[in-house]
Amino acid sequence: MSRQQRGLGKGLDDVLGKGKGLGALLGDKDLSQIRKPVDYVNKSVVSTDNAKNSADIMLIPVEMIEPNPFQPRMSFDSETLEELADSIRTLGLIQPITVRRKNSDRYQIISGERRFRACRLTGMQEIPAYIIDTNDQGMLEMAIVENIQREDLDPIEVAMSYERLINECNLTQEQMAARVGKKRASVTNTLRLLKLPAKIQHDLKVGLLNVGHAKVLLGIENPELQEALCDLVIKEGLSVRELEKKIKRLEDQKTEDDKPQDLPDEYFRVLEVMGRYFGNDISLKRGKNGKGTMTIRFSSDEEVRKFLEAFENSKI
């Protein structure tokens, strides 16, 4: 007995029937009627007095909603907002925003400010929202955590959000890591980004270098060298590995330059003469490039006085 062909081997004609296309399957239905905007019926809010905490979605007049004062996101891309607005015009707002009561006729956004802005672009008069009760700290925590978990924040915005959770909500790094569902090591590394010079933080925000580059630059103590290497990454398009190699070569060169070199005879003469006045407690280092240091240790003011007297009398 032959078996009927199944799965991916079955063609579209087999599924719809010979000679039948998508139009035949749908009949005369208009797709624009099938894909209707999301609607919310009989849920309007005219004041906060009749708003209740529930899983229901309420329609709140736009003029009663204000932005979140604790909003972690510092910028909203106008192009992507327009794209979201176009989607809302077609399908409606699929995911409501979340707000809290502020007073009798005002609500503050906890999460969904980007959706709120896009709704305003469409000219919507009422916006669907969940309403919850919370204080300022709870609002700050929810806003930051929601953004970190769901929005495309840049690395510096994430680091600043972590710092706000710790400082303004009096959380330890362990508590904050638990709030955002991250390992403490990851949180610590992200917070370290705020120690970079402002110029490098800007380049990281706008995507001219990535977090991998930034972590490598954090291993350098000199801010000027950090910025110079950042410029090199951007100019030459260096990968993280290539940046590490550049830094390794710089460190090797510095080590070579600082390595003590064999001293010429005149240096030993200096040590001999100066040593007469300081009990031979004198040392001298000379690098490969001819630069160096001389260290004199004296045990009394008298030693210094005798040396100065000999120097002034040109007896040295």
Protein backbone atom coordinates (compact mmCIF):
# COMPACT_ATOMS: atom_id res chain seq x y z
CA MET A 1 0.00 0.00 0.00
CA SER A 2 1.41 3.36 -0.96
CA ARG A 3 1.62 6.05 1.70
CA GLN A 4 0.24 9.54 1.20
CA GLN A 5 2.97 12.18 0.87
CA ARG A 6 3.17 14.45 3.93
CA GLY A 7 5.15 17.35 5.37
CA LEU A 8 7.35 19.65 3.30
CA GLY A 9 7.01 17.42 0.27
CA LYS A 10 3.40 18.49 -0.10
CA GLY A 11 2.99 21.46 -2.41
CA LEU A 12 0.76 24.53 -1.97
CA ASP A 13 -1.62 23.24 -4.66
CA ASP A 14 -1.99 20.00 -2.68
CA VAL A 15 -2.91 21.98 0.43
CA LEU A 16 -5.35 24.36 -1.26
CA GLY A 17 -6.59 22.02 -3.94
CA LYS A 18 -5.69 22.10 -7.63
CA GLY A 19 -6.27 25.46 -9.20
CA LYS A 20 -7.08 27.10 -5.89
CA GLY A 21 -5.03 30.06 -4.68
CA LEU A 22 -5.15 32.14 -1.51
CA GLY A 23 -8.05 34.15 -2.93
CA ALA A 24 -10.03 30.94 -3.40
CA LEU A 25 -9.30 29.93 0.17
CA LEU A 26 -10.46 33.30 1.58
CA GLY A 27 -13.32 33.83 -0.80
CA ASP A 28 -14.25 37.46 -1.39
CA LYS A 29 -13.05 38.65 2.00
CA ASP A 30 -11.06 41.89 2.07
CA LEU A 31 -7.76 41.45 3.94
CA SER A 32 -8.07 44.96 5.37
CA GLN A 33 -11.29 43.83 7.05
CA ILE A 34 -9.67 40.70 8.43
CA ARG A 35 -6.71 42.60 9.93
CA LYS A 36 -8.57 45.15 12.01
CA PRO A 37 -6.95 47.55 14.48
CA VAL A 38 -7.02 46.51 18.11
CA ASP A 39 -10.03 48.04 19.85
CA TYR A 40 -10.95 48.53 23.51
CA VAL A 41 -14.65 48.90 24.32
CA ASN A 42 -16.36 50.60 27.28
CA LYS A 43 -13.17 51.06 29.26
CA SER A 44 -12.74 54.83 29.15
CA VAL A 45 -11.37 56.75 32.13
CA VAL A 46 -12.55 60.31 32.67
CA SER A 47 -10.78 60.80 36.01
CA THR A 48 -8.62 58.81 38.38
CA ASP A 49 -11.49 58.59 40.87
CA ASN A 50 -13.20 55.74 39.03
CA ALA A 51 -10.00 53.97 38.01
CA LYS A 52 -9.42 50.67 39.76
CA ASN A 53 -6.41 48.40 40.04
CA SER A 54 -7.20 45.44 37.83
CA ALA A 55 -5.99 43.42 34.91
CA ASP A 56 -8.47 45.32 32.73
CA ILE A 57 -7.18 47.76 30.17
CA MET A 58 -8.51 51.30 30.49
CA LEU A 59 -8.67 53.96 27.79
CA ILE A 60 -7.17 57.15 29.20
CA PRO A 61 -7.41 60.55 27.47
CA VAL A 62 -4.04 61.64 26.10
CA GLU A 63 -4.14 64.99 27.90
CA MET A 64 -4.31 63.16 31.26
CA ILE A 65 -1.04 61.29 30.67
CA GLU A 66 2.42 62.73 31.31
CA PRO A 67 5.91 61.27 30.68
CA ASN A 68 7.84 59.32 33.27
CA PRO A 69 10.14 61.69 35.23
CA PHE A 70 12.40 58.71 35.91
CA GLN A 71 12.66 57.67 32.26
CA PRO A 72 16.06 55.92 31.76
CA ARG A 73 16.03 56.38 27.98
CA MET A 74 17.62 59.68 27.03
CA SER A 75 16.70 59.81 23.35
CA PHE A 76 13.97 58.50 21.05
CA ASP A 77 14.76 57.97 17.36
CA SER A 78 12.28 59.93 15.27
CA GLU A 79 12.40 57.53 12.32
CA THR A 80 11.60 54.43 14.37
CA LEU A 81 8.85 56.39 16.19
CA GLU A 82 7.24 57.15 12.81
CA GLU A 83 7.48 53.48 11.86
CA LEU A 84 5.78 52.49 15.12
CA ALA A 85 3.11 55.14 14.54
CA ASP A 86 2.42 53.68 11.07
CA SER A 87 2.01 50.24 12.63
CA ILE A 88 -0.38 51.61 15.26
CA ARG A 89 -2.47 53.32 12.56
CA THR A 90 -2.85 49.96 10.83
CA LEU A 91 -3.19 47.53 13.72
CA GLY A 92 -3.84 49.67 16.76
CA LEU A 93 -1.74 49.60 19.93
CA ILE A 94 -1.34 45.90 20.59
CA GLN A 95 0.56 46.29 23.86
CA PRO A 96 -0.93 48.88 26.24
CA ILE A 97 1.26 51.22 28.26
CA THR A 98 1.46 51.04 32.07
CA VAL A 99 0.71 54.10 34.22
CA ARG A 100 0.22 55.14 37.83
CA ARG A 101 -2.16 57.67 39.34
CA LYS A 102 -0.57 61.00 40.14
CA ASN A 103 -3.63 62.95 41.26
CA SER A 104 -7.34 63.29 40.44
CA ASP A 105 -6.81 63.97 36.75
CA ARG A 106 -3.24 63.00 35.93
CA TYR A 107 -1.39 59.76 35.21
CA GLN A 108 2.35 59.16 34.87
CA ILE A 109 3.84 56.61 32.52
CA ILE A 110 5.71 53.74 34.17
CA SER A 111 6.55 51.90 30.97
CA GLY A 112 5.72 52.44 27.33
CA GLU A 113 6.75 56.06 26.74
CA ARG A 114 7.91 55.20 23.22
CA ARG A 115 4.48 53.70 22.48
CA PHE A 116 2.83 56.77 24.05
CA ARG A 117 4.80 59.14 21.81
CA ALA A 118 3.96 57.08 18.73
CA CYS A 119 0.24 57.11 19.66
CA ARG A 120 0.32 60.90 19.90
CA LEU A 121 1.83 61.02 16.40
CA THR A 122 -1.21 59.14 15.12
CA GLY A 123 -3.57 61.66 16.69
CA MET A 124 -5.13 59.17 19.10
CA GLN A 125 -7.35 60.87 21.71
CA GLU A 126 -7.36 57.94 24.17
CA ILE A 127 -4.59 55.44 24.89
CA PRO A 128 -5.08 51.94 26.37
CA ALA A 129 -3.22 51.47 29.63
CA TYR A 130 -2.85 49.28 32.70
CA ILE A 131 -3.19 51.31 35.91
CA ILE A 132 -1.25 50.38 39.05
CA ASP A 133 -0.49 52.04 42.38
CA THR A 134 3.15 52.62 43.31
CA ASN A 135 5.38 55.20 44.96
CA ASP A 136 8.30 57.07 43.38
CA GLN A 137 10.84 54.39 44.24
CA GLY A 138 8.62 51.61 42.92
CA MET A 139 8.00 53.62 39.76
CA LEU A 140 11.71 54.23 39.27
CA GLU A 141 12.54 50.55 39.77
CA MET A 142 9.82 49.35 37.39
CA ALA A 143 10.69 51.92 34.73
CA ILE A 144 14.40 51.13 34.78
CA VAL A 145 14.00 47.36 34.95
CA GLU A 146 11.39 47.38 32.16
CA ASN A 147 13.69 49.43 29.93
CA ILE A 148 16.74 47.30 30.64
CA GLN A 149 14.88 44.07 29.95
CA ARG A 150 12.83 45.11 26.94
CA GLU A 151 14.26 48.20 25.24
CA ASP A 152 17.34 48.67 23.10
CA LEU A 153 19.29 50.93 25.45
CA ASP A 154 22.87 51.79 24.54
CA PRO A 155 25.61 50.55 26.95
CA ILE A 156 26.00 53.91 28.70
CA GLU A 157 22.24 54.23 29.24
CA VAL A 158 22.25 50.75 30.77
CA ALA A 159 25.20 51.65 33.03
CA MET A 160 23.51 54.87 34.13
CA SER A 161 20.29 52.96 34.81
CA TYR A 162 22.20 50.49 37.00
CA GLU A 163 23.81 53.38 38.87
CA ARG A 164 20.41 55.02 39.45
CA LEU A 165 18.95 51.79 40.82
CA ILE A 166 21.85 51.49 43.25
CA ASN A 167 22.00 55.13 44.35
CA GLU A 168 18.36 56.24 44.27
CA CYS A 169 16.78 52.98 45.42
CA ASN A 170 19.51 52.20 47.97
CA LEU A 171 20.26 48.78 46.48
CA THR A 172 23.44 46.76 46.71
CA GLN A 173 24.97 45.43 43.51
CA GLU A 174 23.67 41.96 44.41
CA GLN A 175 20.12 43.27 44.93
CA MET A 176 20.26 45.31 41.75
CA ALA A 177 21.58 42.35 39.74
CA ALA A 178 18.65 40.28 41.00
CA ARG A 179 16.20 43.02 39.97
CA VAL A 180 17.41 43.02 36.37
CA GLY A 181 18.14 39.30 36.11
CA LYS A 182 21.87 39.72 35.51
CA LYS A 183 24.95 38.21 37.11
CA ARG A 184 26.76 40.53 39.49
CA ALA A 185 29.97 40.33 37.42
CA SER A 186 28.06 41.55 34.37
CA VAL A 187 26.59 44.44 36.38
CA THR A 188 30.02 45.39 37.74
CA ASN A 189 31.60 45.40 34.28
CA THR A 190 28.77 47.55 32.92
CA LEU A 191 29.08 50.08 35.76
CA ARG A 192 32.82 50.39 35.06
CA LEU A 193 31.98 51.93 31.67
CA LEU A 194 31.06 55.14 33.52
CA LYS A 195 34.73 55.50 34.55
CA LEU A 196 35.75 56.08 30.93
CA PRO A 197 36.39 59.65 29.70
CA ALA A 198 33.28 61.46 28.43
CA LYS A 199 34.56 61.36 24.84
CA ILE A 200 34.81 57.55 24.88
CA GLN A 201 31.39 57.24 26.53
CA HIS A 202 29.94 59.32 23.68
CA ASP A 203 31.61 57.14 21.03
CA LEU A 204 30.27 54.06 22.78
CA LYS A 205 26.75 55.52 22.89
CA VAL A 206 26.68 56.27 19.17
CA GLY A 207 28.19 52.92 18.20
CA LEU A 208 31.62 54.04 17.00
CA LEU A 209 33.13 51.36 19.23
CA ASN A 210 31.64 48.47 21.15
CA VAL A 211 31.66 47.28 24.75
CA GLY A 212 34.55 44.92 23.99
CA HIS A 213 36.74 47.87 22.95
CA ALA A 214 35.64 49.81 26.04
CA LYS A 215 36.58 46.98 28.40
CA VAL A 216 40.07 46.83 26.88
CA LEU A 217 40.48 50.61 27.24
CA LEU A 218 39.46 50.36 30.91
CA GLY A 219 42.70 48.46 31.49
CA ILE A 220 44.68 51.63 30.70
CA GLU A 221 45.16 54.20 33.47
CA ASN A 222 46.12 57.21 31.35
CA PRO A 223 42.92 58.98 30.09
CA GLU A 224 44.80 60.70 27.26
CA LEU A 225 46.14 57.37 26.04
CA GLN A 226 42.63 55.88 26.34
CA GLU A 227 41.25 58.63 24.08
CA ALA A 228 44.11 58.31 21.60
CA LEU A 229 43.54 54.57 21.29
CA CYS A 230 39.79 55.16 20.96
CA ASP A 231 40.48 57.50 18.02
CA LEU A 232 42.74 54.83 16.50
CA VAL A 233 39.98 52.21 16.79
CA ILE A 234 37.57 54.50 14.94
CA LYS A 235 40.09 55.67 12.32
CA GLU A 236 41.46 52.23 11.45
CA GLY A 237 38.37 50.15 12.24
CA LEU A 238 40.32 47.99 14.70
CA SER A 239 38.74 44.87 16.12
CA VAL A 240 38.96 44.17 19.85
CA ARG A 241 41.77 41.68 19.24
CA GLU A 242 43.69 44.18 17.10
CA LEU A 243 43.33 46.82 19.82
CA GLU A 244 44.71 44.37 22.38
CA LYS A 245 47.71 43.72 20.14
CA LYS A 246 48.34 47.47 19.76
CA ILE A 247 48.31 47.92 23.54
CA LYS A 248 50.62 44.92 24.02
CA ARG A 249 53.15 46.42 21.61
CA LEU A 250 52.99 49.76 23.42
CA GLU A 251 53.56 48.06 26.77
CA ASP A 252 56.48 46.03 25.42
CA GLN A 253 58.06 49.16 23.97
CA LYS A 254 57.66 51.04 27.26
CA THR A 255 59.21 48.14 29.17
CA GLU A 256 62.15 48.11 26.77
CA ASP A 257 62.64 51.88 27.07
CA ASP A 258 62.51 51.74 30.87
CA LYS A 259 64.89 48.77 31.18
CA PRO A 260 68.21 49.81 32.81
CA GLN A 261 71.10 49.92 30.33
CA ASP A 262 74.83 49.45 30.77
CA LEU A 263 76.27 52.78 31.89
CA PRO A 264 79.03 54.59 29.99
CA ASP A 265 82.27 55.27 31.91
CA GLU A 266 81.40 58.92 32.65
CA TYR A 267 78.36 57.79 34.62
CA PHE A 268 80.54 55.75 36.94
CA ARG A 269 82.71 58.84 37.39
CA VAL A 270 79.61 60.81 38.50
CA LEU A 271 78.71 58.09 40.98
CA GLU A 272 82.25 58.09 42.35
CA VAL A 273 82.49 61.86 42.85
CA MET A 274 79.00 62.34 44.26
CA GLY A 275 79.37 59.30 46.47
CA ARG A 276 82.21 60.96 48.41
CA TYR A 277 79.72 63.40 49.95
CA PHE A 278 76.82 61.02 50.53
CA GLY A 279 78.44 57.89 51.85
CA ASN A 280 78.22 56.23 48.43
CA ASP A 281 74.43 56.04 48.91
CA ILE A 282 73.61 57.13 45.39
CA SER A 283 72.06 55.30 42.45
CA LEU A 284 71.60 56.05 38.79
CA LYS A 285 69.37 54.52 36.11
CA ARG A 286 69.61 55.18 32.40
CA GLY A 287 67.09 54.02 29.80
CA LYS A 288 67.73 52.93 26.24
CA ASN A 289 66.84 56.39 24.95
CA GLY A 290 69.42 58.10 27.20
CA LYS A 291 66.88 59.32 29.73
CA GLY A 292 67.17 58.31 33.35
CA THR A 293 67.08 59.19 37.02
CA MET A 294 69.65 59.81 39.74
CA THR A 295 68.70 59.15 43.36
CA ILE A 296 70.73 60.58 46.26
CA ARG A 297 70.04 59.51 49.82
CA PHE A 298 71.54 61.61 52.60
CA SER A 299 71.65 60.94 56.32
CA SER A 300 71.99 64.51 57.64
CA ASP A 301 71.89 68.19 56.79
CA GLU A 302 75.64 68.21 57.23
CA GLU A 303 76.13 65.96 54.20
CA VAL A 304 74.12 68.33 52.04
CA ARG A 305 76.00 71.37 53.45
CA LYS A 306 79.43 69.85 52.68
CA PHE A 307 78.34 68.97 49.14
CA LEU A 308 77.00 72.48 48.52
CA GLU A 309 80.20 74.06 49.91
CA ALA A 310 82.36 71.86 47.65
CA PHE A 311 80.12 72.64 44.67
CA GLU A 312 80.26 76.40 45.22
CA ASN A 313 84.04 76.31 45.66
CA SER A 314 84.26 74.29 42.43
CA LYS A 315 85.99 71.44 44.22
CA ILE A 316 83.80 68.84 42.50
